[in-house]
């Protein structure tokens, strides 16, 4: 009996030891399994929990989620790629998308099903509702290869829905702003990089004899980086260069009124396109956009400097109303002064570098 009792006690002791050892091994094994799971897994769990409750969002300022950079362990290695666009140096190059477009995307479905067409060209008009019929006539001159974009200076956009094409146009509305104010802010070169040519037109142009497809053909044929359609020669134009000529497809030089040209090889007798109806290639616009001054909004004098953005000479090509004419002339003078000062400083800097 005694021996039998000792054997039972010994067996219990042995079972207890195995239980302790097994428990310890389980704890150790569980620990290593736990630390081997990526931290991202917890983030994913939290994300899906949040997604399940996405219809019941509320803001709570008593606590904030911890993010990378707030003292937590980084989820990705530190990266610095100096060749990335400015501000994106810390991103892997493969994820950087530096250019965009105005293509319309749907709110649902696969991304590959978004675009039934990709317009090749961008046409912008700065408009008020009073000119809607003229703009409607102009838009009808452009095929689906042209994306229409309207800048509304009177704040009235919904009334344009009477035109079917307006429902597919891009509308930007800021009251009492000019064409070049809009262009500087909404036509940044990386945003419109998808378009081969950019039309930046006034709202009151007559287009009865204009053919958009034919115009693009001529632009490509003659390699025009900055151009504009010729205007009817009997409409009391300011510049000889802007008049349409029946004896040739394009012209780059002209004879102007006595005293109007300081040099026959410079604007407005050569390499001159007026600011009311210019058309820019993608590459030329990238240069012109940088030349547009942020605070000089009427663009006067800009057409005399456009030639700086092309290697050769540009191509042929109204002015604002009386109430803003004084400011236009003032801006023209300021722009010329800034251009001259920039040239002077650059030459001085270059001289110091060479010395």
Protein backbone atom coordinates (compact mmCIF):
# COMPACT_ATOMS: atom_id res chain seq x y z
CA UNK A 1 0.00 0.00 0.00
CA UNK A 2 2.79 2.37 0.91
CA UNK A 3 4.60 1.67 -2.28
CA UNK A 4 1.44 2.07 -4.24
CA UNK A 5 0.84 5.45 -2.56
CA UNK A 6 4.34 6.65 -3.36
CA UNK A 7 3.94 5.62 -6.97
CA UNK A 8 0.73 7.67 -7.28
CA UNK A 9 2.39 10.70 -5.75
CA UNK A 10 5.35 10.30 -8.04
CA UNK A 11 3.07 10.04 -11.08
CA UNK A 12 1.18 13.18 -10.06
CA UNK A 13 4.44 15.01 -9.53
CA UNK A 14 5.65 13.94 -12.97
CA UNK A 15 2.39 15.00 -14.64
CA UNK A 16 2.60 18.35 -12.89
CA UNK A 17 6.15 18.88 -14.10
CA UNK A 18 5.12 18.09 -17.66
CA UNK A 19 2.23 20.53 -17.37
CA UNK A 20 4.56 23.30 -16.16
CA UNK A 21 7.09 22.59 -18.88
CA UNK A 22 4.37 22.47 -21.54
CA UNK A 23 2.91 25.72 -20.30
CA UNK A 24 6.28 27.46 -20.36
CA UNK A 25 7.03 26.13 -23.84
CA UNK A 26 3.61 27.33 -25.01
CA UNK A 27 4.24 30.78 -23.60
CA UNK A 28 7.67 30.99 -25.22
CA UNK A 29 6.37 29.66 -28.53
CA UNK A 30 3.44 32.04 -28.44
CA UNK A 31 5.75 34.95 -27.71
CA UNK A 32 7.94 34.24 -30.72
CA UNK A 33 4.90 33.73 -32.93
CA UNK A 34 3.48 37.03 -31.72
CA UNK A 35 6.59 39.09 -32.33
CA UNK A 36 6.97 37.55 -35.75
CA UNK A 37 3.66 39.02 -36.96
CA UNK A 38 4.12 42.32 -38.85
CA UNK A 39 2.93 45.42 -37.12
CA UNK A 40 0.94 46.14 -40.30
CA UNK A 41 -1.39 43.26 -39.45
CA UNK A 42 -2.74 45.16 -36.47
CA UNK A 43 -3.13 48.23 -38.62
CA UNK A 44 -5.08 46.17 -41.14
CA UNK A 45 -7.34 44.82 -38.45
CA UNK A 46 -8.03 48.34 -37.21
CA UNK A 47 -8.63 49.49 -40.79
CA UNK A 48 -11.20 46.79 -41.49
CA UNK A 49 -12.93 47.46 -38.19
CA UNK A 50 -13.15 51.09 -39.22
CA UNK A 51 -14.43 50.11 -42.66
CA UNK A 52 -17.21 48.04 -41.09
CA UNK A 53 -18.33 51.17 -39.25
CA UNK A 54 -17.74 53.69 -42.06
CA UNK A 55 -21.37 54.80 -42.02
CA UNK A 56 -21.08 56.02 -38.43
CA UNK A 57 -18.15 58.46 -38.52
CA UNK A 58 -17.69 61.02 -35.78
CA UNK A 59 -14.76 63.16 -34.75
CA UNK A 60 -13.32 62.83 -31.27
CA UNK A 61 -10.61 65.28 -30.21
CA UNK A 62 -9.88 63.38 -27.01
CA UNK A 63 -7.51 60.99 -28.76
CA UNK A 64 -5.70 60.74 -32.05
CA UNK A 65 -4.44 57.71 -34.00
CA UNK A 66 -0.73 57.17 -33.92
CA UNK A 67 0.93 57.67 -37.28
CA UNK A 68 4.33 57.03 -38.75
CA UNK A 69 6.51 59.98 -37.87
CA UNK A 70 4.85 60.58 -34.50
CA UNK A 71 7.41 58.54 -32.60
CA UNK A 72 6.17 55.11 -33.62
CA UNK A 73 8.31 52.52 -35.33
CA UNK A 74 8.47 53.25 -39.09
CA UNK A 75 6.63 50.79 -41.29
CA UNK A 76 9.00 51.26 -44.20
CA UNK A 77 12.71 51.97 -44.58
CA UNK A 78 13.78 55.56 -44.88
CA UNK A 79 14.16 56.66 -48.50
CA UNK A 80 15.65 59.75 -50.10
CA UNK A 81 15.63 60.00 -53.89
CA UNK A 82 16.93 63.43 -54.99
CA UNK A 83 15.81 62.84 -58.60
CA UNK A 84 12.14 62.65 -57.53
CA UNK A 85 9.97 65.77 -57.96
CA UNK A 86 10.42 68.36 -55.25
CA UNK A 87 8.59 67.30 -52.10
CA UNK A 88 8.47 63.62 -53.08
CA UNK A 89 12.09 62.73 -52.29
CA UNK A 90 11.02 60.37 -49.50
CA UNK A 91 8.86 58.23 -51.82
CA UNK A 92 10.02 55.22 -53.82
CA UNK A 93 10.23 56.32 -57.48
CA UNK A 94 7.86 53.58 -58.58
CA UNK A 95 4.92 55.19 -56.73
CA UNK A 96 5.54 58.77 -57.86
CA UNK A 97 2.94 60.16 -60.28
CA UNK A 98 4.17 63.63 -61.15
CA UNK A 99 1.73 64.42 -63.96
CA UNK A 100 -2.07 64.50 -64.22
CA UNK A 101 -4.93 65.38 -66.57
CA UNK A 102 -8.57 66.47 -66.67
CA UNK A 103 -9.95 63.12 -67.77
CA UNK A 104 -13.23 62.36 -66.05
CA UNK A 105 -13.37 59.23 -63.90
CA UNK A 106 -16.40 57.40 -62.54
CA UNK A 107 -17.11 56.99 -58.84
CA UNK A 108 -17.42 53.18 -59.12
CA UNK A 109 -16.26 50.26 -61.23
CA UNK A 110 -12.83 49.19 -62.35
CA UNK A 111 -10.35 51.99 -63.25
CA UNK A 112 -9.71 50.26 -66.57
CA UNK A 113 -13.33 50.93 -67.50
CA UNK A 114 -13.23 54.67 -66.73
CA UNK A 115 -12.20 56.23 -69.98
CA UNK A 116 -14.03 55.60 -73.20
CA UNK A 117 -12.02 58.38 -74.81
CA UNK A 118 -8.90 60.37 -74.00
CA UNK A 119 -8.96 63.89 -75.49
CA UNK A 120 -5.65 64.90 -77.06
CA UNK A 121 -6.11 68.66 -76.76
CA UNK A 122 -7.36 71.10 -74.13
CA UNK A 123 -9.51 74.12 -75.04
CA UNK A 124 -10.19 76.76 -72.37
CA UNK A 125 -12.50 79.77 -72.49
CA UNK A 126 -12.88 82.43 -69.82
CA UNK A 127 -16.60 83.14 -69.90
CA UNK A 128 -19.64 84.95 -68.60
CA UNK A 129 -23.17 83.68 -69.17
CA UNK A 130 -23.93 86.53 -71.59
CA UNK A 131 -21.55 84.93 -74.10
CA UNK A 132 -23.07 81.44 -73.86
CA UNK A 133 -24.39 81.39 -77.43
CA UNK A 134 -21.05 82.45 -78.87
CA UNK A 135 -19.25 79.84 -76.77
CA UNK A 136 -21.77 77.21 -77.82
CA UNK A 137 -20.99 77.99 -81.46
CA UNK A 138 -17.26 77.82 -80.74
CA UNK A 139 -17.42 74.50 -78.87
CA UNK A 140 -19.26 72.91 -81.80
CA UNK A 141 -16.12 73.49 -83.86
CA UNK A 142 -14.21 71.03 -81.69
CA UNK A 143 -14.53 67.25 -81.80
CA UNK A 144 -14.32 64.77 -78.91
CA UNK A 145 -10.55 64.92 -79.25
CA UNK A 146 -10.74 68.32 -77.51
CA UNK A 147 -11.45 68.63 -73.78
CA UNK A 148 -13.48 71.78 -73.07
CA UNK A 149 -12.74 73.77 -69.91
CA UNK A 150 -14.66 76.88 -68.88
CA UNK A 151 -13.43 79.50 -66.41
CA UNK A 152 -16.48 81.36 -65.08
CA UNK A 153 -15.76 84.93 -64.00
CA UNK A 154 -19.43 85.63 -63.13
CA UNK A 155 -19.97 82.62 -60.85
CA UNK A 156 -22.84 81.26 -62.97
CA UNK A 157 -22.25 77.64 -63.92
CA UNK A 158 -25.46 75.65 -63.63
CA UNK A 159 -27.14 77.62 -66.44
CA UNK A 160 -24.65 76.14 -68.89
CA UNK A 161 -26.27 72.73 -68.49
CA UNK A 162 -28.71 73.72 -71.21
CA UNK A 163 -25.93 72.59 -73.56
CA UNK A 164 -25.31 68.85 -73.64
CA UNK A 165 -21.56 69.31 -74.10
CA UNK A 166 -21.40 71.34 -70.88
CA UNK A 167 -22.13 68.22 -68.83
CA UNK A 168 -18.81 66.78 -69.96
CA UNK A 169 -16.82 70.01 -69.68
CA UNK A 170 -14.60 71.08 -66.79
CA UNK A 171 -16.03 74.10 -64.96
CA UNK A 172 -13.98 76.37 -62.69
CA UNK A 173 -15.74 79.31 -61.06
CA UNK A 174 -14.08 82.25 -59.33
CA UNK A 175 -15.74 85.63 -59.62
CA UNK A 176 -14.17 88.58 -61.42
CA UNK A 177 -10.87 86.99 -62.40
CA UNK A 178 -9.05 87.15 -65.72
CA UNK A 179 -7.96 84.50 -68.20
CA UNK A 180 -4.32 84.63 -67.13
CA UNK A 181 -5.22 84.52 -63.44
CA UNK A 182 -7.01 81.24 -64.15
CA UNK A 183 -4.24 79.95 -66.38
CA UNK A 184 -1.56 80.46 -63.74
CA UNK A 185 -3.57 78.64 -61.08
CA UNK A 186 -5.36 75.87 -62.94
CA UNK A 187 -3.20 75.08 -65.98
CA UNK A 188 -0.02 74.08 -64.21
CA UNK A 189 2.08 72.13 -66.76
CA UNK A 190 2.17 68.89 -64.76
CA UNK A 191 -1.62 68.99 -64.44
CA UNK A 192 -2.25 69.26 -68.18
CA UNK A 193 0.66 67.14 -69.35
CA UNK A 194 -1.66 64.71 -71.15
CA UNK A 195 -2.62 67.25 -73.82
CA UNK A 196 -0.55 67.88 -76.95
CA UNK A 197 -1.87 71.43 -77.46
CA UNK A 198 -3.58 73.93 -75.15
CA UNK A 199 -5.96 76.58 -76.50
CA UNK A 200 -6.34 79.57 -74.15
CA UNK A 201 -9.03 81.67 -75.79
CA UNK A 202 -11.21 84.69 -75.11
CA UNK A 203 -14.99 84.32 -75.09
CA UNK A 204 -15.85 86.68 -77.95
CA UNK A 205 -14.02 85.11 -80.87
CA UNK A 206 -15.81 84.53 -84.16
CA UNK A 207 -15.32 80.98 -85.42
CA UNK A 208 -17.51 80.85 -88.52
CA UNK A 209 -14.58 79.91 -90.76
CA UNK A 210 -12.51 78.03 -88.20
CA UNK A 211 -11.83 74.30 -88.52
CA UNK A 212 -10.18 72.80 -85.45
CA UNK A 213 -8.97 69.57 -87.06
CA UNK A 214 -7.49 71.45 -90.01
CA UNK A 215 -5.80 73.87 -87.66
CA UNK A 216 -4.12 71.06 -85.70
CA UNK A 217 -2.92 69.57 -88.99
CA UNK A 218 -1.29 72.88 -89.97
CA UNK A 219 0.29 73.29 -86.54
CA UNK A 220 1.83 69.84 -86.74
CA UNK A 221 2.85 70.23 -90.39
CA UNK A 222 4.77 73.45 -89.75
CA UNK A 223 6.03 72.53 -86.28
CA UNK A 224 4.43 75.54 -84.58
CA UNK A 225 5.06 75.67 -80.83
CA UNK A 226 3.07 78.87 -80.23
CA UNK A 227 0.46 79.95 -82.75
CA UNK A 228 -3.00 81.34 -83.32
CA UNK A 229 -5.52 81.28 -86.15
CA UNK A 230 -5.50 84.23 -88.51
CA UNK A 231 -8.27 86.78 -88.07
CA UNK A 232 -10.60 88.23 -90.68
CA UNK A 233 -8.62 90.99 -92.43
CA UNK A 234 -11.48 93.50 -92.59
CA UNK A 235 -12.36 93.78 -88.92
CA UNK A 236 -10.21 96.76 -87.93
CA UNK A 237 -7.41 94.75 -86.34
CA UNK A 238 -4.61 96.24 -84.28
CA UNK A 239 -1.74 94.19 -85.68
CA UNK A 240 -0.90 93.31 -89.26
CA UNK A 241 0.56 90.01 -88.09
CA UNK A 242 -2.81 88.72 -86.90
CA UNK A 243 -4.54 89.11 -90.27
CA UNK A 244 -5.36 86.02 -92.28
CA UNK A 245 -3.60 85.84 -95.64
CA UNK A 246 -4.98 83.97 -98.59
CA UNK A 247 -1.65 83.30 -100.30
CA UNK A 248 -0.11 80.98 -97.71
CA UNK A 249 -0.92 78.53 -94.91
CA UNK A 250 1.13 80.26 -92.20
CA UNK A 251 3.23 83.39 -91.87
CA UNK A 252 5.81 84.42 -89.30
CA UNK A 253 6.84 87.90 -90.43
CA UNK A 254 4.99 90.97 -91.65
CA UNK A 255 5.37 94.67 -92.37
CA UNK A 256 3.81 96.87 -89.74
CA UNK A 257 2.91 100.54 -89.64
CA UNK A 258 5.91 102.93 -89.65
CA UNK A 259 7.44 103.21 -86.22
CA UNK A 260 5.63 100.18 -84.80
CA UNK A 261 8.61 97.82 -85.12
CA UNK A 262 11.97 98.62 -83.63
CA UNK A 263 13.39 95.53 -85.34
CA UNK A 264 11.81 93.67 -88.30
CA UNK A 265 12.90 90.37 -86.71
CA UNK A 266 11.10 91.03 -83.42
CA UNK A 267 7.44 91.38 -82.38
CA UNK A 268 5.09 92.62 -83.63
CA UNK A 269 6.73 92.26 -87.05
CA UNK A 270 8.01 88.74 -86.42
CA UNK A 271 7.60 85.92 -83.89
CA UNK A 272 4.37 87.44 -82.59
CA UNK A 273 1.15 85.85 -81.31
CA UNK A 274 -1.48 87.96 -79.58
CA UNK A 275 -2.85 86.98 -76.18
CA UNK A 276 -6.52 86.70 -77.14
CA UNK A 277 -6.40 83.33 -78.97
CA UNK A 278 -3.02 81.62 -78.48
CA UNK A 279 -2.40 77.91 -78.90
CA UNK A 280 0.58 76.34 -77.12
CA UNK A 281 2.32 73.03 -77.52
CA UNK A 282 2.79 71.10 -74.30
CA UNK A 283 6.49 71.96 -74.14
CA UNK A 284 6.04 75.63 -74.98
CA UNK A 285 3.32 76.02 -72.37
CA UNK A 286 5.61 74.63 -69.68
CA UNK A 287 7.92 77.58 -70.35
CA UNK A 288 5.17 80.19 -70.76
CA UNK A 289 3.46 79.15 -67.53
CA UNK A 290 6.63 79.87 -65.60
CA UNK A 291 6.90 83.28 -67.28
CA UNK A 292 3.35 84.32 -66.30
CA UNK A 293 3.63 86.62 -63.30
CA UNK A 294 1.41 85.67 -60.38
CA UNK A 295 0.15 89.18 -59.69
CA UNK A 296 0.00 90.62 -63.24
CA UNK A 297 -3.34 89.23 -64.31
CA UNK A 298 -4.19 90.88 -67.64
CA UNK A 299 -1.28 89.50 -69.66
CA UNK A 300 -0.43 92.72 -71.49
CA UNK A 301 3.10 92.52 -72.84
CA UNK A 302 3.20 88.75 -72.45
CA UNK A 303 2.73 88.29 -76.20
CA UNK A 304 5.88 90.32 -76.87
CA UNK A 305 7.90 87.88 -74.76
CA UNK A 306 6.44 84.54 -75.87
CA UNK A 307 9.22 84.07 -78.40
CA UNK A 308 11.60 83.40 -75.50
CA UNK A 309 9.89 80.03 -75.02
CA UNK A 310 10.60 78.67 -78.48
CA UNK A 311 13.87 78.18 -80.32
CA UNK A 312 12.66 79.65 -83.60
CA UNK A 313 9.87 82.10 -84.30
CA UNK A 314 6.23 81.71 -83.45
CA UNK A 315 3.22 82.22 -85.70
CA UNK A 316 0.40 84.64 -86.39
CA UNK A 317 -2.05 85.43 -84.35
CA UNK A 318 -8.25 92.32 -78.68
CA UNK A 319 -7.61 93.78 -75.76
CA UNK A 320 -9.58 94.25 -72.54
CA UNK A 321 -12.13 96.98 -71.89
CA UNK A 322 -11.66 100.65 -71.09
CA UNK A 323 -12.14 100.23 -67.34
CA UNK A 324 -9.04 98.06 -67.00
CA UNK A 325 -6.91 99.57 -69.76
CA UNK A 326 -4.84 101.67 -67.33
CA UNK A 327 -3.97 98.63 -65.24
CA UNK A 328 -3.15 96.64 -68.36
CA UNK A 329 -0.64 99.27 -69.47
CA UNK A 330 0.80 99.46 -65.97
CA UNK A 331 1.23 95.69 -65.86
CA UNK A 332 2.86 95.74 -69.28
CA UNK A 333 5.43 98.25 -68.02
CA UNK A 334 6.02 96.24 -64.84
CA UNK A 335 6.46 93.03 -66.79
CA UNK A 336 8.97 94.65 -69.14
CA UNK A 337 10.91 96.02 -66.16
CA UNK A 338 10.97 92.64 -64.45
CA UNK A 339 12.12 90.93 -67.62
CA UNK A 340 14.90 93.46 -68.13
CA UNK A 341 16.00 93.24 -64.48
CA UNK A 342 15.98 89.44 -64.61
CA UNK A 343 18.19 89.49 -67.70
CA UNK A 344 20.55 92.00 -66.05
CA UNK A 345 20.87 89.99 -62.82
CA UNK A 346 21.45 86.78 -64.72
CA UNK A 347 24.21 88.34 -66.81
CA UNK A 348 25.84 89.83 -63.69
CA UNK A 349 25.69 86.47 -61.94
CA UNK A 350 27.13 84.72 -64.95
CA UNK A 351 29.95 87.28 -65.06
CA UNK A 352 30.80 86.66 -61.39
CA UNK A 353 30.80 82.91 -61.99
CA UNK A 354 33.17 83.20 -64.94
CA UNK A 355 35.51 85.46 -62.98
